[in-house]
Amino acid sequence: MRVIHEMKFVARLASGADEWSCPACGRRVTLRRLPEPELTVLDPGDESAVHVGVIEPDARATAAAEKYGLGPVQNIPRPPSPPAPDAADRRWLAEIGIDWDGGDAAA
């Protein structure tokens, strides 16, 4: 059974597209409706999850998901981001030519 994340409506943009966000995994998209539909992924989030967007979740949305074998809507906490490298790691990265902080890497 696939995990379903529920997308939340964020705002209607000046372009007429709607912005949606997944609080479980951070996925963000803009969606323009007919007559010129367009989906733009701003942040992919968990690409293995099925994302559904509902203005007000109800029993019909859950029943439809189960009907198509998608399983119950689940909110799964996003894992924490890995820590940023410390000063020693940053020096080593600079020595091998990786510019972590956006400044000049070591020559």
Protein backbone atom coordinates (compact mmCIF):
# COMPACT_ATOMS: atom_id res chain seq x y z
CA MET A 1 0.00 0.00 0.00
CA ARG A 2 1.42 3.41 -0.96
CA VAL A 3 1.63 6.28 1.49
CA ILE A 4 -0.56 9.27 0.72
CA HIS A 5 0.36 12.75 1.87
CA GLU A 6 -2.25 15.44 1.95
CA MET A 7 -1.30 18.68 0.21
CA LYS A 8 -2.56 21.90 1.79
CA PHE A 9 -3.71 24.89 -0.25
CA VAL A 10 -1.37 27.82 0.47
CA ALA A 11 -2.47 30.70 -1.76
CA ARG A 12 -3.71 31.82 -5.15
CA LEU A 13 -0.81 33.49 -6.94
CA ALA A 14 -1.03 36.62 -9.09
CA SER A 15 -0.54 34.38 -12.15
CA GLY A 16 -3.80 32.60 -11.32
CA ALA A 17 -2.01 29.39 -10.29
CA ASP A 18 -2.62 27.83 -6.88
CA GLU A 19 0.29 27.01 -4.56
CA TRP A 20 0.05 23.75 -2.59
CA SER A 21 2.37 22.46 0.13
CA CYS A 22 2.79 19.10 1.91
CA PRO A 23 3.41 19.61 5.63
CA ALA A 24 4.64 15.99 5.97
CA CYS A 25 7.52 16.07 3.48
CA GLY A 26 7.90 19.65 2.26
CA ARG A 27 6.69 19.08 -1.33
CA ARG A 28 5.57 22.38 -2.90
CA VAL A 29 3.87 22.82 -6.25
CA THR A 30 1.97 25.40 -8.23
CA LEU A 31 -1.04 24.24 -10.19
CA ARG A 32 -2.74 26.21 -12.92
CA ARG A 33 -6.24 24.99 -13.83
CA LEU A 34 -8.00 24.75 -17.18
CA PRO A 35 -8.00 26.07 -19.87
CA GLU A 36 -4.17 26.04 -19.74
CA PRO A 37 -3.31 23.51 -17.01
CA GLU A 38 0.24 23.47 -15.72
CA LEU A 39 2.00 21.83 -12.77
CA THR A 40 5.31 23.25 -11.53
CA VAL A 41 7.22 21.44 -8.79
CA LEU A 42 8.96 23.96 -6.51
CA ASP A 43 10.29 21.38 -4.01
CA PRO A 44 9.93 17.64 -4.75
CA GLY A 45 9.64 16.47 -1.14
CA ASP A 46 9.03 12.70 -0.84
CA GLU A 47 8.69 11.56 -4.44
CA SER A 48 7.79 8.01 -3.39
CA ALA A 49 4.56 9.21 -1.73
CA VAL A 50 1.29 9.87 -3.51
CA HIS A 51 0.20 13.47 -2.94
CA VAL A 52 -3.44 14.52 -2.97
CA GLY A 53 -4.82 17.99 -2.57
CA VAL A 54 -8.13 18.63 -0.93
CA ILE A 55 -9.49 21.94 0.24
CA GLU A 56 -11.41 20.31 3.11
CA PRO A 57 -10.59 16.63 3.73
CA ASP A 58 -13.58 14.40 4.31
CA ALA A 59 -14.66 10.77 4.17
CA ARG A 60 -15.10 10.98 0.37
CA ALA A 61 -11.39 11.74 -0.16
CA THR A 62 -10.34 8.85 2.07
CA ALA A 63 -12.81 6.47 0.39
CA ALA A 64 -11.59 7.49 -3.08
CA ALA A 65 -7.96 6.90 -2.08
CA GLU A 66 -8.76 3.46 -0.71
CA LYS A 67 -10.84 2.60 -3.79
CA TYR A 68 -7.78 3.07 -5.98
CA GLY A 69 -5.47 1.18 -3.63
CA LEU A 70 -3.61 4.21 -2.35
CA GLY A 71 -4.23 3.53 1.34
CA PRO A 72 -5.15 5.93 4.11
CA VAL A 73 -3.97 9.52 4.22
CA GLN A 74 -0.97 9.61 6.53
CA ASN A 75 1.10 12.47 7.82
CA ILE A 76 4.65 11.19 8.28
CA PRO A 77 7.13 13.48 10.02
CA ARG A 78 9.96 14.73 7.82
CA PRO A 79 13.38 13.53 8.97
CA PRO A 80 15.67 16.23 10.35
CA SER A 81 18.20 17.80 8.01
CA PRO A 82 21.78 16.62 8.44
CA PRO A 83 23.95 19.02 10.41
CA ALA A 84 26.07 21.55 8.53
CA PRO A 85 29.79 20.77 8.45
CA ASP A 86 31.88 22.16 11.30
CA ALA A 87 34.97 24.38 10.80
CA ALA A 88 37.36 21.44 10.33
CA ASP A 89 35.08 19.86 7.73
CA ARG A 90 34.72 23.19 5.93
CA ARG A 91 38.52 23.59 5.78
CA TRP A 92 38.83 20.07 4.34
CA LEU A 93 36.08 20.80 1.79
CA ALA A 94 37.86 24.02 0.79
CA GLU A 95 41.15 22.11 0.43
CA ILE A 96 39.58 19.76 -2.10
CA GLY A 97 37.91 22.64 -3.96
CA ILE A 98 34.36 22.46 -2.59
CA ASP A 99 32.93 25.88 -1.76
CA TRP A 100 30.42 25.19 1.04
CA ASP A 101 29.78 28.75 2.21
CA GLY A 102 29.57 30.56 -1.11
CA GLY A 103 32.94 32.29 -0.69
CA ASP A 104 36.21 31.43 -2.39
CA ALA A 105 37.45 27.85 -1.96
CA ALA A 106 41.07 27.34 -0.93
CA ALA A 107 43.49 27.57 -3.80
